[in-house]
Every structure is written in structure tokens, then in C-alpha cells.
Amino acid sequence: MIDLDKETLVKMIDHTELSAYSGEKKIAKLCSEARRFGFYAVCINGAYTRYAKGKLAGSGVLVCTVVGFPLGAGTSSAKAFEAREAVQNGAAEIDMTINVGALRDKKFDLVRDDIRAVVEASQPALVKVILETCVLTDEEIVAGCRLAVAAGAGYVKTSTGFGPCGATPAQVHLMRRTVGPDIGVKASGGIRNLEDVRRLIQAGASRLGLSASVAIIEELTIEKLKKPEKQR
């Protein structure tokens, strides 16, 4: 079991609210929690980018906006426009969903160019590429990772959280092994407790997309408080 401290973990968390039904009240709560705990970023839908940027002013917490989300099946020009506008509105990071169908059809040039269009439109923001690993074979995950790196992305990401399942340690390990140490790997989807977090970090995740962020940090805090009792 890997040892985690709160200061390290909070800086690995994208505190996430991506429901289509969330309004400003939920986004405000998300930003308030991110300020309180010092999470690395909030991850939100594009309509709230400017609003979240204002709520987080002076906090050091970044705004991450999703693009082509959650399906990834729009045109590259539409994704690029969405990304460019998000950056103009204050996004420091972009999480884009790839064209999953094109990847499964082995239309690799299309997938690479789709990612590259978003990377170029997002400058100077960091781009994370969502593969939706739960619907891909290992071979397709490897191909998606390689295409993301070739297109200039800074991260690969497992899942939207809206697919049949979320991140697994085996998939994260495969992604880390494929991209090497210099590209980030973000695990997201279905991460509900501290045990899940430890397994995914052990597998190679360098960032975590969590909606249960507060509960997981509180779980870690309780664990640390109990640890001296066990040692006595």
C-alpha cells in the first residue's frame, strides 16, 4: 500500500462536476470546496468556465474545461472552436474526448488530426485526451495513447465518467507504460474511495478526476489520525 499525504493528494485532484443538469449553485459549491482544500483544478462544462474562473480568482486553483464531451463524435472544427473559446474564458486545461468510433475503425490519421486541432486551438492551455478506455481493447488504448502523444497532448485520460465503466488499474498501467514518464496519465470515472485512489496511483496515474474528492480527503485525514493509535 502506497503512503499518501494530504498535501500531495490534493494537488493530484481535478475536482469534477460534469452533469448536464448542474447550474451555478453546484459550480459555486465545487469552487468553494476546491478553494478550501487546495485542489489542483476544477473540471467543468464549458458554459461555466468564465463563472468558475471568477469564483476561483486568487486561489491558485485552475479551471479545466471539457471539449467534445462526453461523446467525442463532433467535427474537429467544432471541438477546436469550443477549446479556443474555453481558453479565452479562462480555462488553463482542456479535457477533450476523442472520436472513439474513428479509433475503433483504425482511422488513425483522423484521430490524430482531431486531437491536434484541439491542441493547436488550446494554446497555451494543457490538453488531456480522453480515450473512454472501457469500450476499447488494449490494442486500441495503446494506439490512442500514441496518437495523443504524436498530436502534442500533455496527458492521456481514461474515461468521461459517462461510459459503461470508469478507470481500472490495468488500463492506467497500460497507458503509463505506453506514454512513458514524460506524459501525464489522468484516471477518472468510478473512483469512489481512498483504496481506488491508491490502486490507480500505484498503476501510474499522475492526476485524478474525482467528484468524491472531499469524501476521499476526509477518509485520508481519518486514516492519518488513527495511524498513531495503531502504532502505540
Protein backbone atom coordinates (compact mmCIF):
# COMPACT_ATOMS: atom_id res chain seq x y z
CA MET A 1 0.00 0.00 0.00
CA ILE A 2 1.46 3.35 -1.01
CA ASP A 3 1.68 6.05 1.63
CA LEU A 4 -0.17 9.25 0.74
CA ASP A 5 -0.20 12.60 2.46
CA LYS A 6 -2.94 15.18 2.06
CA GLU A 7 -0.66 17.84 0.58
CA THR A 8 0.41 15.51 -2.24
CA LEU A 9 -3.04 14.11 -2.96
CA VAL A 10 -4.91 17.42 -3.21
CA LYS A 11 -2.50 18.56 -5.92
CA MET A 12 -3.36 15.47 -7.99
CA ILE A 13 -7.11 16.13 -7.98
CA ASP A 14 -9.31 17.70 -10.64
CA HIS A 15 -12.46 18.33 -8.56
CA THR A 16 -15.21 17.48 -11.02
CA GLU A 17 -18.81 18.43 -11.76
CA LEU A 18 -19.91 17.48 -15.27
CA SER A 19 -23.60 16.73 -15.03
CA ALA A 20 -25.63 18.38 -17.77
CA TYR A 21 -28.15 19.37 -15.10
CA SER A 22 -25.80 21.28 -12.79
CA GLY A 23 -26.29 25.03 -12.52
CA GLU A 24 -24.34 27.87 -10.94
CA LYS A 25 -25.20 26.75 -7.40
CA LYS A 26 -23.36 23.43 -7.86
CA ILE A 27 -20.46 25.08 -9.65
CA ALA A 28 -20.14 27.63 -6.84
CA LYS A 29 -20.06 24.79 -4.30
CA LEU A 30 -17.45 22.96 -6.36
CA CYS A 31 -15.25 26.07 -6.49
CA SER A 32 -15.70 26.74 -2.77
CA GLU A 33 -14.56 23.18 -1.96
CA ALA A 34 -11.63 23.49 -4.35
CA ARG A 35 -10.53 26.69 -2.59
CA ARG A 36 -10.94 25.13 0.84
CA PHE A 37 -8.92 22.00 0.12
CA GLY A 38 -6.49 23.45 -2.43
CA PHE A 39 -7.29 21.03 -5.24
CA TYR A 40 -5.24 21.36 -8.41
CA ALA A 41 -8.20 22.23 -10.63
CA VAL A 42 -11.94 22.10 -11.08
CA CYS A 43 -13.21 20.22 -14.14
CA ILE A 44 -16.44 21.60 -15.58
CA ASN A 45 -18.57 22.06 -18.68
CA GLY A 46 -17.78 24.99 -20.94
CA ALA A 47 -20.84 27.09 -20.09
CA TYR A 48 -19.39 27.73 -16.61
CA THR A 49 -15.75 28.42 -17.48
CA ARG A 50 -15.89 32.17 -17.02
CA TYR A 51 -18.07 31.83 -13.91
CA ALA A 52 -15.68 29.35 -12.28
CA LYS A 53 -12.66 31.47 -13.20
CA GLY A 54 -14.21 34.36 -11.29
CA LYS A 55 -15.08 32.22 -8.28
CA LEU A 56 -11.52 30.90 -8.10
CA ALA A 57 -9.72 34.22 -8.59
CA GLY A 58 -6.66 34.43 -6.37
CA SER A 59 -6.95 30.83 -5.15
CA GLY A 60 -4.33 29.18 -7.36
CA VAL A 61 -6.91 26.55 -8.40
CA LEU A 62 -7.05 26.10 -12.17
CA VAL A 63 -10.10 25.76 -14.39
CA CYS A 64 -10.23 22.67 -16.62
CA THR A 65 -12.96 22.65 -19.28
CA VAL A 66 -14.20 19.62 -21.21
CA VAL A 67 -14.47 19.71 -25.01
CA GLY A 68 -16.37 17.39 -27.35
CA PHE A 69 -17.79 15.92 -24.19
CA PRO A 70 -18.85 13.24 -23.49
CA LEU A 71 -19.29 11.60 -26.91
CA GLY A 72 -16.33 12.93 -28.89
CA ALA A 73 -18.20 12.40 -32.16
CA GLY A 74 -18.39 16.03 -33.30
CA THR A 75 -16.27 17.60 -36.00
CA SER A 76 -12.71 18.68 -35.35
CA SER A 77 -13.52 22.29 -36.22
CA ALA A 78 -16.35 22.34 -33.67
CA LYS A 79 -14.06 20.91 -30.98
CA ALA A 80 -11.35 23.43 -31.86
CA PHE A 81 -13.80 26.33 -31.60
CA GLU A 82 -15.05 25.04 -28.25
CA ALA A 83 -11.49 24.73 -26.95
CA ARG A 84 -10.44 28.17 -28.16
CA GLU A 85 -13.45 29.80 -26.52
CA ALA A 86 -12.84 27.93 -23.26
CA VAL A 87 -9.25 29.20 -23.10
CA GLN A 88 -10.43 32.75 -23.86
CA ASN A 89 -12.88 32.40 -20.96
CA GLY A 90 -10.18 31.35 -18.52
CA ALA A 91 -9.53 27.62 -18.91
CA ALA A 92 -5.94 26.62 -18.16
CA GLU A 93 -6.54 22.99 -19.16
CA ILE A 94 -8.74 21.26 -21.73
CA ASP A 95 -10.02 17.67 -21.44
CA MET A 96 -11.14 16.56 -24.91
CA THR A 97 -12.92 13.38 -25.89
CA ILE A 98 -11.51 11.67 -28.96
CA ASN A 99 -13.56 10.34 -31.84
CA VAL A 100 -13.85 6.87 -30.31
CA GLY A 101 -15.59 5.36 -33.33
CA ALA A 102 -12.81 6.52 -35.63
CA LEU A 103 -10.20 4.96 -33.34
CA ARG A 104 -12.08 1.66 -33.34
CA ASP A 105 -12.29 1.88 -37.15
CA LYS A 106 -8.50 2.34 -37.21
CA LYS A 107 -8.82 5.76 -38.87
CA PHE A 108 -5.68 6.85 -37.10
CA ASP A 109 -4.93 9.92 -39.21
CA LEU A 110 -8.39 11.27 -38.44
CA VAL A 111 -7.96 10.69 -34.72
CA ARG A 112 -4.50 12.27 -34.63
CA ASP A 113 -5.62 15.31 -36.63
CA ASP A 114 -8.72 15.71 -34.45
CA ILE A 115 -6.54 15.84 -31.34
CA ARG A 116 -4.03 18.15 -32.99
CA ALA A 117 -6.77 20.62 -33.96
CA VAL A 118 -7.73 20.92 -30.30
CA VAL A 119 -4.13 21.11 -29.10
CA GLU A 120 -3.41 23.97 -31.50
CA ALA A 121 -6.64 25.80 -30.66
CA SER A 122 -6.00 25.44 -26.92
CA GLN A 123 -2.59 27.13 -26.78
CA PRO A 124 -1.19 27.80 -24.22
CA ALA A 125 -3.52 25.51 -22.23
CA LEU A 126 -2.60 21.89 -21.45
CA VAL A 127 -4.69 19.29 -23.30
CA LYS A 128 -5.72 15.95 -21.83
CA VAL A 129 -7.09 13.37 -24.26
CA ILE A 130 -9.99 11.21 -23.06
CA LEU A 131 -9.91 7.75 -24.62
CA GLU A 132 -13.00 6.15 -22.99
CA THR A 133 -10.94 3.06 -22.24
CA CYS A 134 -13.87 0.92 -21.11
CA VAL A 135 -15.03 0.50 -24.73
CA LEU A 136 -11.55 -0.10 -26.15
CA THR A 137 -9.30 -3.12 -26.49
CA ASP A 138 -5.76 -2.96 -25.12
CA GLU A 139 -4.51 -2.55 -28.70
CA GLU A 140 -6.86 0.41 -29.21
CA ILE A 141 -5.80 2.00 -25.90
CA VAL A 142 -2.15 1.79 -26.96
CA ALA A 143 -2.98 3.28 -30.38
CA GLY A 144 -4.99 6.11 -28.79
CA CYS A 145 -2.16 6.95 -26.41
CA ARG A 146 0.41 7.03 -29.20
CA LEU A 147 -1.81 9.25 -31.35
CA ALA A 148 -2.35 11.67 -28.45
CA VAL A 149 1.40 11.98 -27.90
CA ALA A 150 2.03 12.43 -31.64
CA ALA A 151 -0.58 15.21 -31.74
CA GLY A 152 1.10 17.14 -28.92
CA ALA A 153 -1.20 16.41 -25.98
CA GLY A 154 0.21 16.67 -22.46
CA TYR A 155 -1.95 13.96 -20.90
CA VAL A 156 -3.99 10.90 -21.72
CA LYS A 157 -7.12 10.26 -19.68
CA THR A 158 -9.10 7.09 -19.13
CA SER A 159 -12.77 7.99 -19.12
CA THR A 160 -15.56 10.53 -19.33
CA GLY A 161 -17.39 9.02 -16.37
CA PHE A 162 -20.42 8.61 -18.63
CA GLY A 163 -19.36 5.32 -20.23
CA PRO A 164 -20.18 1.77 -19.09
CA CYS A 165 -17.37 1.87 -16.51
CA GLY A 166 -14.54 4.04 -15.30
CA ALA A 167 -10.82 3.77 -14.72
CA THR A 168 -9.12 0.46 -13.88
CA PRO A 169 -5.57 -0.04 -12.62
CA ALA A 170 -4.79 -2.36 -15.53
CA GLN A 171 -5.77 0.26 -18.09
CA VAL A 172 -3.87 3.01 -16.27
CA HIS A 173 -0.78 0.79 -16.13
CA LEU A 174 -1.05 0.12 -19.87
CA MET A 175 -1.39 3.84 -20.60
CA ARG A 176 1.59 4.73 -18.41
CA ARG A 177 3.70 2.03 -20.00
CA THR A 178 2.77 3.32 -23.46
CA VAL A 179 3.33 7.07 -22.95
CA GLY A 180 6.36 6.80 -20.66
CA PRO A 181 7.28 9.13 -17.80
CA ASP A 182 7.01 12.50 -19.54
CA ILE A 183 3.29 12.47 -20.44
CA GLY A 184 0.63 12.66 -17.76
CA VAL A 185 -1.98 9.96 -17.15
CA LYS A 186 -5.31 11.02 -15.67
CA ALA A 187 -7.59 8.39 -14.14
CA SER A 188 -11.26 9.30 -13.97
CA GLY A 189 -14.64 7.65 -13.65
CA GLY A 190 -15.86 5.45 -10.83
CA ILE A 191 -13.19 6.47 -8.29
CA ARG A 192 -15.12 6.39 -5.05
CA ASN A 193 -12.72 5.84 -2.16
CA LEU A 194 -9.13 6.01 -0.96
CA GLU A 195 -8.43 2.40 -1.88
CA ASP A 196 -9.38 3.16 -5.51
CA VAL A 197 -7.10 6.18 -5.46
CA ARG A 198 -4.12 4.22 -4.14
CA ARG A 199 -4.52 1.47 -6.74
CA LEU A 200 -4.67 3.98 -9.59
CA ILE A 201 -1.68 5.98 -8.41
CA GLN A 202 0.27 2.75 -7.94
CA ALA A 203 -0.64 1.86 -11.53
CA GLY A 204 0.79 5.13 -12.83
CA ALA A 205 -1.86 7.86 -12.57
CA SER A 206 -0.45 11.36 -12.09
CA ARG A 207 -3.83 13.11 -11.96
CA LEU A 208 -7.27 12.02 -10.73
CA GLY A 209 -10.67 13.21 -11.89
CA LEU A 210 -12.91 12.96 -8.82
CA SER A 211 -16.40 14.01 -7.85
CA ALA A 212 -15.91 12.31 -4.45
CA SER A 213 -12.82 14.44 -3.75
CA VAL A 214 -13.94 15.83 -0.40
CA ALA A 215 -15.00 12.43 0.96
CA ILE A 216 -11.71 10.87 -0.13
CA ILE A 217 -9.61 13.61 1.50
CA GLU A 218 -11.65 13.22 4.68
CA GLU A 219 -11.08 9.45 4.54
CA LEU A 220 -7.32 10.06 4.30
CA THR A 221 -7.44 12.52 7.21
CA ILE A 222 -9.24 9.99 9.43
CA GLU A 223 -6.75 7.29 8.43
CA LYS A 224 -3.82 9.52 9.43
CA LEU A 225 -5.45 10.31 12.78
CA LYS A 226 -5.93 6.61 13.53
CA LYS A 227 -2.44 5.57 12.49
CA PRO A 228 -0.63 6.73 15.68
CA GLU A 229 -3.14 4.73 17.75
CA LYS A 230 -2.20 1.56 15.85
CA GLN A 231 1.49 2.22 16.43
CA ARG A 232 1.13 2.51 20.21
